[in-house]
Each structure stands twice: as structure tokens, then as C-alpha cells.
Amino acid sequence: MGLELFNTFILLLLVAAALVALKVRDLITASVVFGIYSFLMCLLWAEMGAVDVAFTEAAVGAGISTVVLVATVFNLKRKSSD
């Protein structure tokens, strides 16, 4: 019962993070929410027993990809000064 509740909670958080990442207008916020999404996927993979996939998701998805996305957003040049 407790494990099913945990899985349901993580899945609901995943859906919420995906919707927030799609709806938010700020690119930095979207990048951070994408990192949160990857971390939640890491938790789900680890709970299912796929520790190698969870470790890869944590390293690549929540770690490197988030850092690269945030660095890219900081290096973007705006056309207008609003």
C-alpha cells in the first residue's frame, strides 16, 4: 500500500512538473523545472529497481542537462531591451 502511494505521488509530481515546464514563460525557470522533472524520474527508476538507469538519469538528466540549459539561457542575447 505504501509503495503504491509513493508511486502515485511521484507520478502526480511528474505530471505537474511537466505542465509547469510547458506553461512557464521564463527560460531559466523552465530549465530548473526540467531538472526537477529529471530528478523525479530518477526517484521513480530507483524505486523500480533500475539503479543503473536512475544513476544515469541523475547524472545526465538532472545534472549535466540542467547546467547546460541554464548556461545556454544565460548566454542568449535579447533583441529588445524590455
N, C-alpha and C. Protein backbone atom coordinates (compact mmCIF):
# COMPACT_ATOMS: atom_id res chain seq x y z
N MET A 1 0.82 -1.19 0.00
CA MET A 1 0.00 0.00 0.00
C MET A 1 0.86 1.26 0.00
N GLY A 2 1.90 1.29 0.83
CA GLY A 2 2.75 2.47 0.93
C GLY A 2 3.55 2.71 -0.34
N LEU A 3 3.98 1.62 -0.98
CA LEU A 3 4.76 1.75 -2.21
C LEU A 3 3.90 2.27 -3.35
N GLU A 4 2.68 1.82 -3.42
CA GLU A 4 1.77 2.30 -4.46
C GLU A 4 1.44 3.77 -4.25
N LEU A 5 1.31 4.17 -3.00
CA LEU A 5 1.05 5.58 -2.69
C LEU A 5 2.24 6.44 -3.09
N PHE A 6 3.45 5.95 -2.82
CA PHE A 6 4.66 6.67 -3.22
C PHE A 6 4.73 6.82 -4.74
N ASN A 7 4.46 5.74 -5.47
CA ASN A 7 4.49 5.79 -6.93
C ASN A 7 3.46 6.78 -7.47
N THR A 8 2.27 6.76 -6.91
CA THR A 8 1.22 7.68 -7.34
C THR A 8 1.62 9.12 -7.07
N PHE A 9 2.19 9.38 -5.90
CA PHE A 9 2.64 10.73 -5.55
C PHE A 9 3.72 11.21 -6.50
N ILE A 10 4.70 10.37 -6.81
CA ILE A 10 5.78 10.75 -7.72
C ILE A 10 5.22 10.99 -9.13
N LEU A 11 4.30 10.15 -9.56
CA LEU A 11 3.71 10.34 -10.90
C LEU A 11 2.91 11.64 -10.98
N LEU A 12 2.19 11.98 -9.93
CA LEU A 12 1.46 13.24 -9.92
C LEU A 12 2.43 14.43 -9.95
N LEU A 13 3.52 14.32 -9.21
CA LEU A 13 4.53 15.38 -9.25
C LEU A 13 5.18 15.48 -10.64
N LEU A 14 5.38 14.34 -11.29
CA LEU A 14 5.94 14.35 -12.65
C LEU A 14 5.03 15.07 -13.62
N VAL A 15 3.75 14.78 -13.56
CA VAL A 15 2.79 15.45 -14.45
C VAL A 15 2.75 16.94 -14.15
N ALA A 16 2.75 17.30 -12.87
CA ALA A 16 2.75 18.71 -12.50
C ALA A 16 4.01 19.43 -13.00
N ALA A 17 5.17 18.79 -12.84
CA ALA A 17 6.42 19.40 -13.30
C ALA A 17 6.43 19.56 -14.82
N ALA A 18 5.90 18.57 -15.54
CA ALA A 18 5.86 18.66 -17.00
C ALA A 18 4.95 19.80 -17.44
N LEU A 19 3.80 19.94 -16.79
CA LEU A 19 2.88 21.02 -17.16
C LEU A 19 3.46 22.39 -16.83
N VAL A 20 4.12 22.50 -15.69
CA VAL A 20 4.75 23.77 -15.32
C VAL A 20 5.86 24.12 -16.31
N ALA A 21 6.67 23.14 -16.70
CA ALA A 21 7.76 23.40 -17.65
C ALA A 21 7.21 23.86 -19.00
N LEU A 22 6.06 23.36 -19.38
CA LEU A 22 5.46 23.78 -20.65
C LEU A 22 4.80 25.15 -20.58
N LYS A 23 4.23 25.50 -19.44
CA LYS A 23 3.45 26.73 -19.32
C LYS A 23 4.25 27.95 -18.89
N VAL A 24 5.37 27.75 -18.23
CA VAL A 24 6.13 28.88 -17.70
C VAL A 24 6.78 29.66 -18.85
N ARG A 25 6.86 30.99 -18.70
CA ARG A 25 7.38 31.84 -19.77
C ARG A 25 8.89 32.11 -19.63
N ASP A 26 9.41 32.00 -18.43
CA ASP A 26 10.82 32.27 -18.18
C ASP A 26 11.65 31.02 -18.49
N LEU A 27 12.70 31.20 -19.29
CA LEU A 27 13.50 30.05 -19.71
C LEU A 27 14.32 29.45 -18.57
N ILE A 28 14.79 30.29 -17.67
CA ILE A 28 15.55 29.77 -16.52
C ILE A 28 14.65 28.90 -15.65
N THR A 29 13.45 29.37 -15.39
CA THR A 29 12.51 28.60 -14.59
C THR A 29 12.17 27.28 -15.27
N ALA A 30 11.97 27.31 -16.57
CA ALA A 30 11.67 26.09 -17.31
C ALA A 30 12.84 25.10 -17.23
N SER A 31 14.07 25.61 -17.28
CA SER A 31 15.24 24.74 -17.17
C SER A 31 15.33 24.09 -15.80
N VAL A 32 15.05 24.86 -14.76
CA VAL A 32 15.10 24.32 -13.40
C VAL A 32 13.98 23.29 -13.19
N VAL A 33 12.80 23.58 -13.71
CA VAL A 33 11.69 22.62 -13.59
C VAL A 33 12.01 21.35 -14.36
N PHE A 34 12.68 21.47 -15.50
CA PHE A 34 13.12 20.29 -16.23
C PHE A 34 14.10 19.46 -15.40
N GLY A 35 14.98 20.12 -14.65
CA GLY A 35 15.88 19.40 -13.75
C GLY A 35 15.13 18.70 -12.63
N ILE A 36 14.09 19.35 -12.11
CA ILE A 36 13.25 18.71 -11.09
C ILE A 36 12.55 17.50 -11.68
N TYR A 37 12.06 17.63 -12.90
CA TYR A 37 11.41 16.50 -13.58
C TYR A 37 12.39 15.32 -13.71
N SER A 38 13.61 15.60 -14.10
CA SER A 38 14.61 14.54 -14.24
C SER A 38 14.92 13.89 -12.90
N PHE A 39 14.98 14.70 -11.84
CA PHE A 39 15.23 14.13 -10.51
C PHE A 39 14.08 13.23 -10.06
N LEU A 40 12.85 13.64 -10.35
CA LEU A 40 11.70 12.80 -10.01
C LEU A 40 11.73 11.50 -10.80
N MET A 41 12.15 11.56 -12.06
CA MET A 41 12.29 10.33 -12.84
C MET A 41 13.37 9.44 -12.24
N CYS A 42 14.42 10.06 -11.74
CA CYS A 42 15.49 9.30 -11.08
C CYS A 42 14.94 8.56 -9.87
N LEU A 43 14.11 9.23 -9.07
CA LEU A 43 13.49 8.56 -7.92
C LEU A 43 12.62 7.40 -8.35
N LEU A 44 11.87 7.60 -9.41
CA LEU A 44 10.98 6.54 -9.89
C LEU A 44 11.77 5.35 -10.41
N TRP A 45 12.83 5.59 -11.17
CA TRP A 45 13.67 4.49 -11.66
C TRP A 45 14.30 3.73 -10.50
N ALA A 46 14.78 4.46 -9.50
CA ALA A 46 15.42 3.80 -8.35
C ALA A 46 14.41 2.96 -7.58
N GLU A 47 13.20 3.46 -7.44
CA GLU A 47 12.17 2.71 -6.72
C GLU A 47 11.79 1.44 -7.48
N MET A 48 11.86 1.47 -8.80
CA MET A 48 11.52 0.29 -9.60
C MET A 48 12.67 -0.71 -9.66
N GLY A 49 13.81 -0.37 -9.10
CA GLY A 49 14.92 -1.30 -9.04
C GLY A 49 15.94 -1.13 -10.15
N ALA A 50 15.75 -0.16 -11.02
CA ALA A 50 16.70 0.09 -12.11
C ALA A 50 17.70 1.14 -11.65
N VAL A 51 18.60 0.73 -10.78
CA VAL A 51 19.54 1.67 -10.16
C VAL A 51 20.49 2.26 -11.18
N ASP A 52 20.91 1.46 -12.16
CA ASP A 52 21.83 1.98 -13.19
C ASP A 52 21.16 3.07 -14.03
N VAL A 53 19.90 2.87 -14.37
CA VAL A 53 19.16 3.88 -15.13
C VAL A 53 18.93 5.11 -14.27
N ALA A 54 18.63 4.91 -12.99
CA ALA A 54 18.41 6.03 -12.08
C ALA A 54 19.69 6.86 -11.92
N PHE A 55 20.82 6.19 -11.82
CA PHE A 55 22.09 6.91 -11.69
C PHE A 55 22.39 7.71 -12.95
N THR A 56 22.15 7.12 -14.11
CA THR A 56 22.35 7.84 -15.37
C THR A 56 21.40 9.02 -15.49
N GLU A 57 20.16 8.84 -15.11
CA GLU A 57 19.18 9.93 -15.15
C GLU A 57 19.59 11.07 -14.22
N ALA A 58 20.10 10.73 -13.05
CA ALA A 58 20.54 11.75 -12.11
C ALA A 58 21.75 12.51 -12.65
N ALA A 59 22.70 11.77 -13.21
CA ALA A 59 23.93 12.41 -13.69
C ALA A 59 23.68 13.23 -14.95
N VAL A 60 23.01 12.64 -15.90
CA VAL A 60 22.83 13.31 -17.20
C VAL A 60 21.60 14.22 -17.19
N GLY A 61 20.47 13.69 -16.77
CA GLY A 61 19.23 14.44 -16.84
C GLY A 61 19.16 15.59 -15.86
N ALA A 62 19.33 15.28 -14.59
CA ALA A 62 19.20 16.31 -13.56
C ALA A 62 20.48 17.11 -13.39
N GLY A 63 21.60 16.55 -13.78
CA GLY A 63 22.88 17.24 -13.58
C GLY A 63 23.36 18.02 -14.78
N ILE A 64 23.92 17.32 -15.72
CA ILE A 64 24.58 17.95 -16.86
C ILE A 64 23.60 18.72 -17.75
N SER A 65 22.46 18.12 -18.06
CA SER A 65 21.50 18.79 -18.95
C SER A 65 20.98 20.09 -18.35
N THR A 66 20.71 20.08 -17.07
CA THR A 66 20.22 21.30 -16.43
C THR A 66 21.28 22.38 -16.44
N VAL A 67 22.50 22.02 -16.16
CA VAL A 67 23.59 23.00 -16.17
C VAL A 67 23.79 23.56 -17.58
N VAL A 68 23.75 22.71 -18.59
CA VAL A 68 23.92 23.17 -19.97
C VAL A 68 22.76 24.07 -20.39
N LEU A 69 21.54 23.72 -20.04
CA LEU A 69 20.38 24.56 -20.37
C LEU A 69 20.47 25.93 -19.70
N VAL A 70 20.80 25.96 -18.43
CA VAL A 70 20.91 27.24 -17.72
C VAL A 70 22.05 28.08 -18.30
N ALA A 71 23.18 27.46 -18.59
CA ALA A 71 24.30 28.20 -19.19
C ALA A 71 23.93 28.75 -20.56
N THR A 72 23.18 27.98 -21.33
CA THR A 72 22.75 28.45 -22.65
C THR A 72 21.81 29.64 -22.53
N VAL A 73 20.89 29.57 -21.59
CA VAL A 73 19.94 30.68 -21.40
C VAL A 73 20.69 31.94 -20.97
N PHE A 74 21.68 31.81 -20.12
CA PHE A 74 22.44 32.98 -19.69
C PHE A 74 23.27 33.57 -20.83
N ASN A 75 23.63 32.77 -21.82
CA ASN A 75 24.42 33.28 -22.95
C ASN A 75 23.58 33.79 -24.10
N LEU A 76 22.26 33.72 -24.00
CA LEU A 76 21.40 34.23 -25.05
C LEU A 76 21.41 35.76 -25.04
N LYS A 77 21.33 36.34 -26.21
CA LYS A 77 21.24 37.78 -26.35
C LYS A 77 19.80 38.15 -26.72
N ARG A 78 19.26 39.14 -26.04
CA ARG A 78 17.89 39.59 -26.35
C ARG A 78 17.95 40.63 -27.46
N LYS A 79 16.93 40.61 -28.31
CA LYS A 79 16.86 41.58 -29.41
C LYS A 79 16.37 42.94 -28.92
N SER A 80 15.49 42.93 -27.92
CA SER A 80 14.97 44.18 -27.40
C SER A 80 15.45 44.36 -25.95
N SER A 81 15.29 45.57 -25.45
CA SER A 81 15.77 45.86 -24.10
C SER A 81 14.63 45.93 -23.09
N ASP A 82 13.57 45.13 -23.31
CA ASP A 82 12.45 45.18 -22.38
C ASP A 82 12.82 44.36 -21.22
